[in-house]
Amino acid sequence: MEWLSYASVGFLVVFLGTLFLMGEMLVKAKGLFAVLGIAFMSLFFSYHIDAGGNMWIIILYLLGVALIILDGKVISDGTIALFGALLMGLGLAVPTPSITYGILVVFGYISGLFASGLFLKVFPSRNLWSKMTLRDQLGTEQGYNSMNESYKELEGKNAKTLTPFRPTGTIIVDGRHYSATSGDQWLEADEIVTVTAVDGTKILIQRQEEETQDNH
């Protein structure tokens, strides 16, 4: 594997490895991208570890991968994923034999990260970071206005709580489930409530008996 001593080859291997590994996280590729990504990265590390690296470099890289997956599946705000991406980049740059090689490897890594997004145009998404994506896509082109209008129609309707409210939970209106908030009230499941206000997709409910008292 002497050809891996060339910085340009290292760039290509890291680019492809990152491309496929990140692609596996972003889209449903039935594990094919994971196999390709692991193969390329194993090739890179096996050469550079033999050249004088240490196992902690691989651990550093794998920790970065784990943090990205953790962020995508649990936290979904991108903060931990960014730290994980930095660890992965550090794990790739440290074992390289020269500054030039290291710069090219980091550039290949960053290029692979961005290029992996192109898979989303071809393959179905895994919906990692779905919470963050939902916040980012509430624009007119994605139908936010029509969704807002449909929510607005709920105002004044009667509903039933499906879960306890502390103070958020789920209600059922006309056979459909919605997330809602009861403000400063704590409600139990199976209570009859009224949708008193709708702000965007935020639904405010109130116990019917209290609403009646307020009207008097």
C-alpha atoms as a PDB file:
ATOM      1  CA  MET A   1       0.000   0.000   0.000  1.00  0.00           C
ATOM      2  CA  GLU A   2       2.889   2.350  -0.700  1.00  0.00           C
ATOM      3  CA  TRP A   3       0.616   4.380  -2.935  1.00  0.00           C
ATOM      4  CA  LEU A   4      -1.037   5.687   0.255  1.00  0.00           C
ATOM      5  CA  SER A   5       2.171   7.589   0.958  1.00  0.00           C
ATOM      6  CA  TYR A   6       1.048  10.102  -1.664  1.00  0.00           C
ATOM      7  CA  ALA A   7      -1.031  12.944  -0.221  1.00  0.00           C
ATOM      8  CA  SER A   8      -3.319  13.030  -3.264  1.00  0.00           C
ATOM      9  CA  VAL A   9      -4.192   9.348  -2.745  1.00  0.00           C
ATOM     10  CA  GLY A  10      -4.819   9.976   0.946  1.00  0.00           C
ATOM     11  CA  PHE A  11      -7.151  12.809  -0.030  1.00  0.00           C
ATOM     12  CA  LEU A  12      -9.113  10.522  -2.372  1.00  0.00           C
ATOM     13  CA  VAL A  13      -9.374   7.647   0.128  1.00  0.00           C
ATOM     14  CA  VAL A  14     -10.564   9.933   2.945  1.00  0.00           C
ATOM     15  CA  PHE A  15     -12.981  11.703   0.618  1.00  0.00           C
ATOM     16  CA  LEU A  16     -14.579   8.429  -0.482  1.00  0.00           C
ATOM     17  CA  GLY A  17     -14.582   6.979   3.034  1.00  0.00           C
ATOM     18  CA  THR A  18     -16.275  10.063   4.464  1.00  0.00           C
ATOM     19  CA  LEU A  19     -18.660  10.298   1.531  1.00  0.00           C
ATOM     20  CA  PHE A  20     -19.972   6.774   2.043  1.00  0.00           C
ATOM     21  CA  LEU A  21     -19.959   6.768   5.864  1.00  0.00           C
ATOM     22  CA  MET A  22     -21.896  10.022   6.087  1.00  0.00           C
ATOM     23  CA  GLY A  23     -24.078   8.869   3.218  1.00  0.00           C
ATOM     24  CA  GLU A  24     -25.032   5.796   5.242  1.00  0.00           C
ATOM     25  CA  MET A  25     -26.108   8.078   8.111  1.00  0.00           C
ATOM     26  CA  LEU A  26     -28.163  10.314   5.840  1.00  0.00           C
ATOM     27  CA  VAL A  27     -29.907   7.874   3.506  1.00  0.00           C
ATOM     28  CA  LYS A  28     -31.234   4.322   3.490  1.00  0.00           C
ATOM     29  CA  ALA A  29     -28.630   2.452   1.454  1.00  0.00           C
ATOM     30  CA  LYS A  30     -29.147  -1.006   3.011  1.00  0.00           C
ATOM     31  CA  GLY A  31     -25.675  -0.968   4.578  1.00  0.00           C
ATOM     32  CA  LEU A  32     -23.823  -0.765   1.250  1.00  0.00           C
ATOM     33  CA  PHE A  33     -22.455   2.704   1.927  1.00  0.00           C
ATOM     34  CA  ALA A  34     -21.387   1.637   5.423  1.00  0.00           C
ATOM     35  CA  VAL A  35     -19.382  -1.274   4.001  1.00  0.00           C
ATOM     36  CA  LEU A  36     -17.693   0.956   1.416  1.00  0.00           C
ATOM     37  CA  GLY A  37     -16.988   3.712   3.932  1.00  0.00           C
ATOM     38  CA  ILE A  38     -15.516   1.334   6.501  1.00  0.00           C
ATOM     39  CA  ALA A  39     -13.382  -0.289   3.785  1.00  0.00           C
ATOM     40  CA  PHE A  40     -11.872   3.014   2.679  1.00  0.00           C
ATOM     41  CA  MET A  41     -11.276   4.276   6.216  1.00  0.00           C
ATOM     42  CA  SER A  42      -9.782   0.937   7.297  1.00  0.00           C
ATOM     43  CA  LEU A  43      -7.396   1.217   4.367  1.00  0.00           C
ATOM     44  CA  PHE A  44      -6.359   4.691   5.441  1.00  0.00           C
ATOM     45  CA  PHE A  45      -5.877   3.880   9.120  1.00  0.00           C
ATOM     46  CA  SER A  46      -4.179   0.528   8.573  1.00  0.00           C
ATOM     47  CA  TYR A  47      -1.452   2.225   6.559  1.00  0.00           C
ATOM     48  CA  HIS A  48      -0.920   5.173   8.877  1.00  0.00           C
ATOM     49  CA  ILE A  49      -1.154   3.198  12.106  1.00  0.00           C
ATOM     50  CA  ASP A  50       1.595   0.920  10.770  1.00  0.00           C
ATOM     51  CA  ALA A  51       3.586   4.023   9.945  1.00  0.00           C
ATOM     52  CA  GLY A  52       3.786   4.999  13.615  1.00  0.00           C
ATOM     53  CA  GLY A  53       0.305   5.957  14.747  1.00  0.00           C
ATOM     54  CA  ASN A  54      -1.499   4.761  17.859  1.00  0.00           C
ATOM     55  CA  MET A  55      -4.798   3.022  18.465  1.00  0.00           C
ATOM     56  CA  TRP A  56      -6.149   6.081  20.277  1.00  0.00           C
ATOM     57  CA  ILE A  57      -6.384   7.797  16.897  1.00  0.00           C
ATOM     58  CA  ILE A  58      -8.927   5.239  15.706  1.00  0.00           C
ATOM     59  CA  ILE A  59     -10.796   5.517  19.022  1.00  0.00           C
ATOM     60  CA  LEU A  60     -10.896   9.302  18.580  1.00  0.00           C
ATOM     61  CA  TYR A  61     -12.339   8.914  15.090  1.00  0.00           C
ATOM     62  CA  LEU A  62     -14.943   6.332  16.178  1.00  0.00           C
ATOM     63  CA  LEU A  63     -15.961   8.535  19.102  1.00  0.00           C
ATOM     64  CA  GLY A  64     -16.633  11.315  16.620  1.00  0.00           C
ATOM     65  CA  VAL A  65     -18.818   8.991  14.533  1.00  0.00           C
ATOM     66  CA  ALA A  66     -20.717   7.909  17.673  1.00  0.00           C
ATOM     67  CA  LEU A  67     -21.374  11.528  18.696  1.00  0.00           C
ATOM     68  CA  ILE A  68     -22.790  12.343  15.265  1.00  0.00           C
ATOM     69  CA  ILE A  69     -25.152   9.356  15.441  1.00  0.00           C
ATOM     70  CA  LEU A  70     -26.134  10.262  19.025  1.00  0.00           C
ATOM     71  CA  ASP A  71     -26.958  13.812  17.999  1.00  0.00           C
ATOM     72  CA  GLY A  72     -28.980  12.666  15.015  1.00  0.00           C
ATOM     73  CA  LYS A  73     -31.061  10.111  16.912  1.00  0.00           C
ATOM     74  CA  VAL A  74     -31.489  11.794  20.303  1.00  0.00           C
ATOM     75  CA  ILE A  75     -30.557  15.469  20.502  1.00  0.00           C
ATOM     76  CA  SER A  76     -31.065  16.700  16.934  1.00  0.00           C
ATOM     77  CA  ASP A  77     -29.707  20.224  17.385  1.00  0.00           C
ATOM     78  CA  GLY A  78     -26.355  19.744  15.639  1.00  0.00           C
ATOM     79  CA  THR A  79     -24.172  20.789  18.599  1.00  0.00           C
ATOM     80  CA  ILE A  80     -22.862  17.353  19.531  1.00  0.00           C
ATOM     81  CA  ALA A  81     -22.624  16.415  15.848  1.00  0.00           C
ATOM     82  CA  LEU A  82     -20.322  19.388  15.231  1.00  0.00           C
ATOM     83  CA  PHE A  83     -18.038  18.286  18.068  1.00  0.00           C
ATOM     84  CA  GLY A  84     -18.090  14.744  16.687  1.00  0.00           C
ATOM     85  CA  ALA A  85     -17.150  16.024  13.221  1.00  0.00           C
ATOM     86  CA  LEU A  86     -14.186  17.888  14.734  1.00  0.00           C
ATOM     87  CA  LEU A  87     -13.011  14.721  16.496  1.00  0.00           C
ATOM     88  CA  MET A  88     -13.239  12.779  13.243  1.00  0.00           C
ATOM     89  CA  GLY A  89     -11.209  15.421  11.414  1.00  0.00           C
ATOM     90  CA  LEU A  90      -8.600  15.423  14.180  1.00  0.00           C
ATOM     91  CA  GLY A  91      -8.386  11.634  14.114  1.00  0.00           C
ATOM     92  CA  LEU A  92      -7.668  11.764  10.380  1.00  0.00           C
ATOM     93  CA  ALA A  93      -5.135  14.588  10.452  1.00  0.00           C
ATOM     94  CA  VAL A  94      -2.984  13.505  13.412  1.00  0.00           C
ATOM     95  CA  PRO A  95      -1.438  10.312  11.941  1.00  0.00           C
ATOM     96  CA  THR A  96      -0.488  11.890   8.597  1.00  0.00           C
ATOM     97  CA  PRO A  97       3.257  12.136   7.873  1.00  0.00           C
ATOM     98  CA  SER A  98       3.384  15.823   6.869  1.00  0.00           C
ATOM     99  CA  ILE A  99       1.511  19.116   7.102  1.00  0.00           C
ATOM    100  CA  THR A 100       0.696  19.030   3.399  1.00  0.00           C
ATOM    101  CA  TYR A 101      -0.684  15.508   3.682  1.00  0.00           C
ATOM    102  CA  GLY A 102      -2.692  16.504   6.743  1.00  0.00           C
ATOM    103  CA  ILE A 103      -4.205  19.565   5.033  1.00  0.00           C
ATOM    104  CA  LEU A 104      -5.225  17.510   2.002  1.00  0.00           C
ATOM    105  CA  VAL A 105      -6.755  14.819   4.212  1.00  0.00           C
ATOM    106  CA  VAL A 106      -8.787  17.384   6.160  1.00  0.00           C
ATOM    107  CA  PHE A 107      -9.894  18.963   2.886  1.00  0.00           C
ATOM    108  CA  GLY A 108     -10.910  15.530   1.593  1.00  0.00           C
ATOM    109  CA  TYR A 109     -12.835  14.909   4.811  1.00  0.00           C
ATOM    110  CA  ILE A 110     -14.726  18.218   4.602  1.00  0.00           C
ATOM    111  CA  SER A 111     -15.436  17.680   0.904  1.00  0.00           C
ATOM    112  CA  GLY A 112     -16.813  14.216   1.672  1.00  0.00           C
ATOM    113  CA  LEU A 113     -19.089  15.636   4.368  1.00  0.00           C
ATOM    114  CA  PHE A 114     -20.670  18.128   2.002  1.00  0.00           C
ATOM    115  CA  ALA A 115     -20.766  15.781  -0.986  1.00  0.00           C
ATOM    116  CA  SER A 116     -22.657  13.141   1.021  1.00  0.00           C
ATOM    117  CA  GLY A 117     -25.656  15.470   1.023  1.00  0.00           C
ATOM    118  CA  LEU A 118     -26.059  14.772  -2.692  1.00  0.00           C
ATOM    119  CA  PHE A 119     -27.247  11.256  -1.835  1.00  0.00           C
ATOM    120  CA  LEU A 120     -30.423  12.836  -0.445  1.00  0.00           C
ATOM    121  CA  LYS A 121     -31.428  13.703  -3.998  1.00  0.00           C
ATOM    122  CA  VAL A 122     -31.372  10.038  -5.021  1.00  0.00           C
ATOM    123  CA  PHE A 123     -32.017   7.851  -1.952  1.00  0.00           C
ATOM    124  CA  PRO A 124     -34.723   8.021   0.753  1.00  0.00           C
ATOM    125  CA  SER A 125     -33.641   9.913   3.856  1.00  0.00           C
ATOM    126  CA  ARG A 126     -33.029   8.276   7.250  1.00  0.00           C
ATOM    127  CA  ASN A 127     -34.540  11.363   8.921  1.00  0.00           C
ATOM    128  CA  LEU A 128     -31.600  11.941  11.242  1.00  0.00           C
ATOM    129  CA  TRP A 129     -31.836  15.402  12.796  1.00  0.00           C
ATOM    130  CA  SER A 130     -35.560  15.314  11.945  1.00  0.00           C
ATOM    131  CA  LYS A 131     -36.409  17.777  14.729  1.00  0.00           C
ATOM    132  CA  MET A 132     -33.925  20.310  13.401  1.00  0.00           C
ATOM    133  CA  THR A 133     -35.076  19.697   9.822  1.00  0.00           C
ATOM    134  CA  LEU A 134     -38.686  20.270  10.844  1.00  0.00           C
ATOM    135  CA  ARG A 135     -37.798  23.634  12.332  1.00  0.00           C
ATOM    136  CA  ASP A 136     -35.831  24.595   9.233  1.00  0.00           C
ATOM    137  CA  GLN A 137     -38.535  23.625   6.760  1.00  0.00           C
ATOM    138  CA  LEU A 138     -41.593  25.446   8.101  1.00  0.00           C
ATOM    139  CA  GLY A 139     -41.627  27.770   5.104  1.00  0.00           C
ATOM    140  CA  THR A 140     -44.241  28.584   2.509  1.00  0.00           C
ATOM    141  CA  GLU A 141     -42.792  26.210  -0.072  1.00  0.00           C
ATOM    142  CA  GLN A 142     -43.116  23.296   2.345  1.00  0.00           C
ATOM    143  CA  GLY A 143     -46.829  24.033   2.973  1.00  0.00           C
ATOM    144  CA  TYR A 144     -46.466  25.784   6.328  1.00  0.00           C
ATOM    145  CA  ASN A 145     -49.182  28.321   5.488  1.00  0.00           C
ATOM    146  CA  SER A 146     -51.729  25.638   4.593  1.00  0.00           C
ATOM    147  CA  MET A 147     -50.819  23.712   7.737  1.00  0.00           C
ATOM    148  CA  ASN A 148     -51.209  26.907   9.768  1.00  0.00           C
ATOM    149  CA  GLU A 149     -54.669  27.486   8.286  1.00  0.00           C
ATOM    150  CA  SER A 150     -55.792  23.943   9.086  1.00  0.00           C
ATOM    151  CA  TYR A 151     -54.645  24.392  12.671  1.00  0.00           C
ATOM    152  CA  LYS A 152     -56.467  27.730  12.892  1.00  0.00           C
ATOM    153  CA  GLU A 153     -59.725  25.940  12.092  1.00  0.00           C
ATOM    154  CA  LEU A 154     -59.389  24.035  15.374  1.00  0.00           C
ATOM    155  CA  GLU A 155     -60.004  27.176  17.415  1.00  0.00           C
ATOM    156  CA  GLY A 156     -63.244  26.909  19.420  1.00  0.00           C
ATOM    157  CA  LYS A 157     -63.635  23.166  18.858  1.00  0.00           C
ATOM    158  CA  ASN A 158     -64.118  20.622  21.614  1.00  0.00           C
ATOM    159  CA  ALA A 159     -61.418  17.990  22.108  1.00  0.00           C
ATOM    160  CA  LYS A 160     -60.432  15.187  24.462  1.00  0.00           C
ATOM    161  CA  THR A 161     -57.063  14.734  26.115  1.00  0.00           C
ATOM    162  CA  LEU A 162     -55.367  11.459  25.253  1.00  0.00           C
ATOM    163  CA  THR A 163     -52.476  11.960  27.671  1.00  0.00           C
ATOM    164  CA  PRO A 164     -51.937  13.865  30.915  1.00  0.00           C
ATOM    165  CA  PHE A 165     -50.869  17.497  30.383  1.00  0.00           C
ATOM    166  CA  ARG A 166     -47.872  18.712  32.418  1.00  0.00           C
ATOM    167  CA  PRO A 167     -48.609  21.117  30.694  1.00  0.00           C
ATOM    168  CA  THR A 168     -48.130  19.607  27.213  1.00  0.00           C
ATOM    169  CA  GLY A 169     -49.695  16.480  25.778  1.00  0.00           C
ATOM    170  CA  THR A 170     -51.864  15.069  23.010  1.00  0.00           C
ATOM    171  CA  ILE A 171     -55.492  15.770  22.188  1.00  0.00           C
ATOM    172  CA  ILE A 172     -57.919  14.265  19.690  1.00  0.00           C
ATOM    173  CA  VAL A 173     -60.117  16.522  17.560  1.00  0.00           C
ATOM    174  CA  ASP A 174     -62.441  15.107  14.908  1.00  0.00           C
ATOM    175  CA  GLY A 175     -60.539  11.823  14.996  1.00  0.00           C
ATOM    176  CA  ARG A 176     -57.099  13.408  14.527  1.00  0.00           C
ATOM    177  CA  HIS A 177     -54.300  13.701  17.072  1.00  0.00           C
ATOM    178  CA  TYR A 178     -52.550  16.989  17.847  1.00  0.00           C
ATOM    179  CA  SER A 179     -49.882  18.138  20.261  1.00  0.00           C
ATOM    180  CA  ALA A 180     -51.146  20.915  22.508  1.00  0.00           C
ATOM    181  CA  THR A 181     -50.441  22.844  25.682  1.00  0.00           C
ATOM    182  CA  SER A 182     -52.739  23.635  28.596  1.00  0.00           C
ATOM    183  CA  GLY A 183     -50.823  26.711  29.726  1.00  0.00           C
ATOM    184  CA  ASP A 184     -50.547  26.702  33.517  1.00  0.00           C
ATOM    185  CA  GLN A 185     -53.153  23.931  33.960  1.00  0.00           C
ATOM    186  CA  TRP A 186     -52.385  20.304  34.712  1.00  0.00           C
ATOM    187  CA  LEU A 187     -54.927  18.026  33.073  1.00  0.00           C
ATOM    188  CA  GLU A 188     -55.507  14.297  33.163  1.00  0.00           C
ATOM    189  CA  ALA A 189     -56.213  11.965  30.266  1.00  0.00           C
ATOM    190  CA  ASP A 190     -59.807  11.653  28.947  1.00  0.00           C
ATOM    191  CA  GLU A 191     -60.835  15.182  29.977  1.00  0.00           C
ATOM    192  CA  ILE A 192     -63.088  17.264  27.710  1.00  0.00           C
ATOM    193  CA  VAL A 193     -61.393  20.501  26.722  1.00  0.00           C
ATOM    194  CA  THR A 194     -61.816  23.351  24.265  1.00  0.00           C
ATOM    195  CA  VAL A 195     -59.225  24.737  21.874  1.00  0.00           C
ATOM    196  CA  THR A 196     -59.091  28.358  23.001  1.00  0.00           C
ATOM    197  CA  ALA A 197     -56.290  29.689  20.799  1.00  0.00           C
ATOM    198  CA  VAL A 198     -53.995  28.689  17.956  1.00  0.00           C
ATOM    199  CA  ASP A 199     -50.710  30.448  17.239  1.00  0.00           C
ATOM    200  CA  GLY A 200     -49.060  28.954  14.175  1.00  0.00           C
ATOM    201  CA  THR A 201     -48.940  25.285  15.110  1.00  0.00           C
ATOM    202  CA  LYS A 202     -49.121  25.914  18.850  1.00  0.00           C
ATOM    203  CA  ILE A 203     -52.517  24.812  20.181  1.00  0.00           C
ATOM    204  CA  LEU A 204     -53.738  26.127  23.544  1.00  0.00           C
ATOM    205  CA  ILE A 205     -56.500  24.219  25.318  1.00  0.00           C
ATOM    206  CA  GLN A 206     -58.570  24.808  28.436  1.00  0.00           C
ATOM    207  CA  ARG A 207     -60.768  22.591  30.578  1.00  0.00           C
ATOM    208  CA  GLN A 208     -64.370  23.168  29.510  1.00  0.00           C
ATOM    209  CA  GLU A 209     -65.764  23.905  32.937  1.00  0.00           C
ATOM    210  CA  GLU A 210     -63.139  26.600  33.554  1.00  0.00           C
ATOM    211  CA  GLU A 211     -63.783  28.116  30.142  1.00  0.00           C
ATOM    212  CA  THR A 212     -67.493  28.356  30.991  1.00  0.00           C
ATOM    213  CA  GLN A 213     -66.698  30.139  34.267  1.00  0.00           C
ATOM    214  CA  ASP A 214     -64.430  32.595  32.450  1.00  0.00           C
ATOM    215  CA  ASN A 215     -67.241  33.484  30.033  1.00  0.00           C
ATOM    216  CA  HIS A 216     -69.531  34.349  32.970  1.00  0.00           C
END
